[in-house]
Amino acid sequence: MGIYSRFIGPKLVSCLCSMDDIMAERERIVPLASGEVLEIGMGPGLNLPLYNPLSVTKVIGVDPNDAFLHLGETRHRNSRVPLEILHAPAEALPLMDCTIDTAVITYTLCTVEDPHRALREVRRVLKPEGKVLFLEHGLSPEEDVARWQRRLNPIWRSLAVGCNLTRPVAELLQQAGFSIRDMEEYYLGGAPRVLSFHCRGIAQVS
């Protein structure tokens, strides 16, 4: 792992993911979590201050990337809810079946190596009545935007430490066996359309 991917890239991504507009989007979805929560891609812990300690009993944060976890050490220590960090990939969750009430996935499906496998793992550990709260950027349904996303993706992926512009979020969730209960799709203001197509919503096991 080079200097960029160990130090510079993670800090850049963390800064982008903590911009005011992005944090405002997180505030729309993360407080809906309840019970025992699994957060995929805990990283710098940007969601931790947004969990409601009256409704969340515990957060299990999963992340295989030491560089991102290191950036969140202070937030991890100051968490208002009980927190357990698991150094593991989303594609192989070290959790038993049907044990999680809420899965939180924010700006993570763009980066996991195998999103299909990761979401199947989320489905496995989620209780039958559980829910997935998701907030992601991804592939635009507008072909002219999507065409540029595909062209720029190799460059962006290198700069943003594995982040992809071309993941079809809703389709990935449905293919993994989730039904989408509520979803908004939109372009987040202040950024080019190739970077700013967003999906935010709630999904449940079909």
Protein backbone atom coordinates (compact mmCIF):
# COMPACT_ATOMS: atom_id res chain seq x y z
CA MET A 1 0.00 0.00 0.00
CA GLY A 2 1.54 3.30 -1.12
CA ILE A 3 1.76 6.62 0.69
CA TYR A 4 -1.21 8.04 -1.22
CA SER A 5 -3.56 5.14 -0.43
CA ARG A 6 -2.39 4.96 3.19
CA PHE A 7 -2.41 8.64 4.14
CA ILE A 8 -3.40 11.21 1.52
CA GLY A 9 -6.31 9.39 -0.15
CA PRO A 10 -8.14 8.44 3.06
CA LYS A 11 -7.88 12.01 4.39
CA LEU A 12 -9.18 13.39 1.09
CA VAL A 13 -12.14 10.99 1.06
CA SER A 14 -12.89 11.68 4.72
CA CYS A 15 -12.93 15.43 4.04
CA LEU A 16 -15.28 15.01 1.08
CA CYS A 17 -17.58 12.74 3.08
CA SER A 18 -17.80 15.22 5.95
CA MET A 19 -18.71 18.29 3.92
CA ASP A 20 -21.73 20.21 5.21
CA ASP A 21 -24.05 19.09 2.40
CA ILE A 22 -23.04 15.46 2.89
CA MET A 23 -23.49 15.62 6.66
CA ALA A 24 -26.94 17.13 6.14
CA GLU A 25 -27.83 14.09 4.04
CA ARG A 26 -26.55 11.76 6.76
CA GLU A 27 -28.75 13.57 9.28
CA ARG A 28 -31.79 12.63 7.20
CA ILE A 29 -31.22 8.87 7.43
CA VAL A 30 -28.91 7.78 10.28
CA PRO A 31 -31.19 8.88 13.18
CA LEU A 32 -33.79 6.37 11.90
CA ALA A 33 -31.60 3.49 13.12
CA SER A 34 -32.82 1.44 16.08
CA GLY A 35 -31.89 -1.62 18.11
CA GLU A 36 -28.61 -3.38 17.37
CA VAL A 37 -27.06 -1.59 14.40
CA LEU A 38 -24.52 -2.82 11.86
CA GLU A 39 -22.67 -0.03 10.08
CA ILE A 40 -20.85 -1.13 6.94
CA GLY A 41 -17.73 0.96 6.38
CA MET A 42 -17.37 2.53 9.82
CA GLY A 43 -14.14 4.28 8.79
CA PRO A 44 -13.74 7.72 10.39
CA GLY A 45 -17.02 7.35 12.30
CA LEU A 46 -18.83 10.27 10.71
CA ASN A 47 -22.25 8.77 11.50
CA LEU A 48 -21.56 8.13 15.18
CA PRO A 49 -22.78 11.50 16.53
CA LEU A 50 -26.06 11.01 14.63
CA TYR A 51 -27.22 7.80 16.32
CA ASN A 52 -29.97 8.30 18.87
CA PRO A 53 -28.85 6.71 22.17
CA LEU A 54 -32.49 6.35 23.19
CA SER A 55 -33.27 4.02 20.30
CA VAL A 56 -29.91 2.39 19.46
CA THR A 57 -28.66 -0.28 21.87
CA LYS A 58 -25.32 -0.91 20.15
CA VAL A 59 -23.44 -0.13 16.94
CA ILE A 60 -21.21 -2.73 15.35
CA GLY A 61 -18.91 -0.94 12.93
CA VAL A 62 -17.26 -3.05 10.24
CA ASP A 63 -14.29 -1.88 8.18
CA PRO A 64 -11.21 -3.65 6.78
CA ASN A 65 -9.24 -0.46 6.18
CA ASP A 66 -6.85 0.56 8.98
CA ALA A 67 -6.17 3.96 7.41
CA PHE A 68 -9.83 4.98 7.56
CA LEU A 69 -10.35 3.51 11.04
CA HIS A 70 -7.34 5.45 12.31
CA LEU A 71 -8.96 8.71 11.20
CA GLY A 72 -11.96 7.96 13.41
CA GLU A 73 -10.25 7.01 16.66
CA THR A 74 -11.43 10.12 18.54
CA ARG A 75 -15.03 9.74 17.35
CA HIS A 76 -14.94 6.04 18.21
CA ARG A 77 -13.82 6.82 21.77
CA ASN A 78 -16.46 9.53 22.20
CA SER A 79 -19.38 7.53 20.82
CA ARG A 80 -22.66 8.21 22.61
CA VAL A 81 -23.80 4.63 21.96
CA PRO A 82 -22.03 1.34 22.81
CA LEU A 83 -19.63 0.65 19.94
CA GLU A 84 -17.82 -2.45 18.74
CA ILE A 85 -15.34 -2.19 15.86
CA LEU A 86 -14.77 -5.28 13.73
CA HIS A 87 -11.79 -5.26 11.39
CA ALA A 88 -13.42 -7.28 8.62
CA PRO A 89 -14.66 -6.94 5.04
CA ALA A 90 -18.35 -6.47 4.33
CA GLU A 91 -18.19 -9.56 2.11
CA ALA A 92 -17.45 -11.82 5.11
CA LEU A 93 -19.21 -10.48 8.19
CA PRO A 94 -18.14 -12.23 11.42
CA LEU A 95 -21.71 -12.19 12.74
CA MET A 96 -24.40 -14.80 13.27
CA ASP A 97 -27.52 -15.00 11.12
CA CYS A 98 -30.56 -12.86 11.94
CA THR A 99 -28.97 -10.82 14.74
CA ILE A 100 -29.12 -7.22 13.44
CA ASP A 101 -32.07 -4.84 13.67
CA THR A 102 -30.75 -2.07 11.40
CA ALA A 103 -27.99 -2.03 8.80
CA VAL A 104 -26.60 1.40 7.94
CA ILE A 105 -24.81 1.79 4.60
CA THR A 106 -23.64 5.31 3.77
CA TYR A 107 -21.15 6.09 1.01
CA THR A 108 -19.83 2.53 1.17
CA LEU A 109 -21.34 0.51 -1.69
CA CYS A 110 -19.22 2.62 -4.02
CA THR A 111 -16.05 1.18 -2.50
CA VAL A 112 -16.61 -2.41 -1.36
CA GLU A 113 -14.84 -4.93 -3.59
CA ASP A 114 -17.93 -7.08 -4.23
CA PRO A 115 -21.18 -5.20 -3.53
CA HIS A 116 -23.33 -8.23 -4.46
CA ARG A 117 -21.64 -10.42 -1.88
CA ALA A 118 -21.57 -7.64 0.71
CA LEU A 119 -25.32 -7.06 0.44
CA ARG A 120 -26.04 -10.78 0.61
CA GLU A 121 -24.06 -10.82 3.86
CA VAL A 122 -26.10 -7.90 5.17
CA ARG A 123 -29.27 -9.80 4.30
CA ARG A 124 -27.97 -12.88 6.12
CA VAL A 125 -27.30 -11.10 9.42
CA LEU A 126 -30.42 -8.92 9.34
CA LYS A 127 -33.46 -10.02 11.32
CA PRO A 128 -36.55 -10.81 9.18
CA GLU A 129 -38.18 -7.59 10.38
CA GLY A 130 -34.94 -5.60 10.13
CA LYS A 131 -34.22 -2.70 7.82
CA VAL A 132 -31.42 -1.23 5.75
CA LEU A 133 -30.87 2.52 5.83
CA PHE A 134 -28.89 3.57 2.79
CA LEU A 135 -27.37 6.78 1.51
CA GLU A 136 -25.16 6.37 -1.53
CA HIS A 137 -23.95 8.09 -4.64
CA GLY A 138 -24.00 6.02 -7.80
CA LEU A 139 -24.85 5.53 -11.44
CA SER A 140 -27.21 8.12 -12.85
CA PRO A 141 -30.32 6.94 -14.75
CA GLU A 142 -29.62 9.67 -17.32
CA GLU A 143 -27.57 8.10 -20.07
CA ASP A 144 -25.58 11.21 -20.93
CA VAL A 145 -24.46 11.52 -17.29
CA ALA A 146 -23.88 7.77 -16.94
CA ARG A 147 -21.72 7.76 -20.06
CA TRP A 148 -19.37 10.31 -18.51
CA GLN A 149 -19.41 8.45 -15.21
CA ARG A 150 -18.16 5.33 -16.98
CA ARG A 151 -15.47 7.30 -18.79
CA LEU A 152 -14.22 9.02 -15.65
CA ASN A 153 -14.55 6.06 -13.30
CA PRO A 154 -11.00 4.65 -13.68
CA ILE A 155 -9.47 8.05 -12.85
CA TRP A 156 -11.87 8.74 -9.99
CA ARG A 157 -11.36 5.25 -8.52
CA SER A 158 -7.61 5.87 -8.33
CA LEU A 159 -7.97 9.31 -6.75
CA ALA A 160 -10.71 8.31 -4.29
CA VAL A 161 -9.11 5.11 -2.94
CA GLY A 162 -11.37 2.63 -4.73
CA CYS A 163 -14.58 4.66 -4.88
CA ASN A 164 -16.68 3.97 -8.00
CA LEU A 165 -19.08 6.30 -9.79
CA THR A 166 -20.92 3.51 -11.58
CA ARG A 167 -22.64 1.37 -8.94
CA PRO A 168 -26.43 1.05 -9.54
CA VAL A 169 -27.54 1.26 -5.92
CA ALA A 170 -31.24 0.36 -6.13
CA GLU A 171 -30.54 -2.48 -8.53
CA LEU A 172 -27.85 -3.92 -6.26
CA LEU A 173 -30.20 -3.89 -3.27
CA GLN A 174 -32.98 -5.60 -5.21
CA GLN A 175 -30.63 -8.22 -6.62
CA ALA A 176 -29.53 -9.07 -3.07
CA GLY A 177 -33.10 -9.82 -2.03
CA PHE A 178 -34.23 -6.52 -0.58
CA SER A 179 -37.41 -4.62 -1.34
CA ILE A 180 -37.12 -0.86 -1.31
CA ARG A 181 -39.73 0.60 1.01
CA ASP A 182 -38.88 4.23 0.49
CA MET A 183 -36.30 5.94 -1.72
CA GLU A 184 -35.40 9.35 -3.07
CA GLU A 185 -33.12 9.79 -6.07
CA TYR A 186 -31.62 13.19 -6.74
CA TYR A 187 -28.55 15.20 -7.65
CA LEU A 188 -26.91 16.80 -4.65
CA GLY A 189 -26.35 20.48 -5.30
CA GLY A 190 -22.91 22.02 -5.50
CA ALA A 191 -21.16 19.21 -7.37
CA PRO A 192 -21.00 18.06 -11.01
CA ARG A 193 -23.71 15.59 -11.96
CA VAL A 194 -21.18 12.84 -12.65
CA LEU A 195 -20.30 12.95 -8.93
CA SER A 196 -23.57 13.90 -7.31
CA PHE A 197 -26.32 11.41 -8.20
CA HIS A 198 -27.66 10.15 -4.86
CA CYS A 199 -30.03 7.49 -3.52
CA ARG A 200 -31.37 7.70 0.01
CA GLY A 201 -33.91 5.35 1.52
CA ILE A 202 -35.03 2.32 3.47
CA ALA A 203 -35.03 -1.31 2.34
CA GLN A 204 -36.24 -4.53 3.93
CA VAL A 205 -35.80 -8.23 3.29
CA SER A 206 -38.17 -9.29 0.50
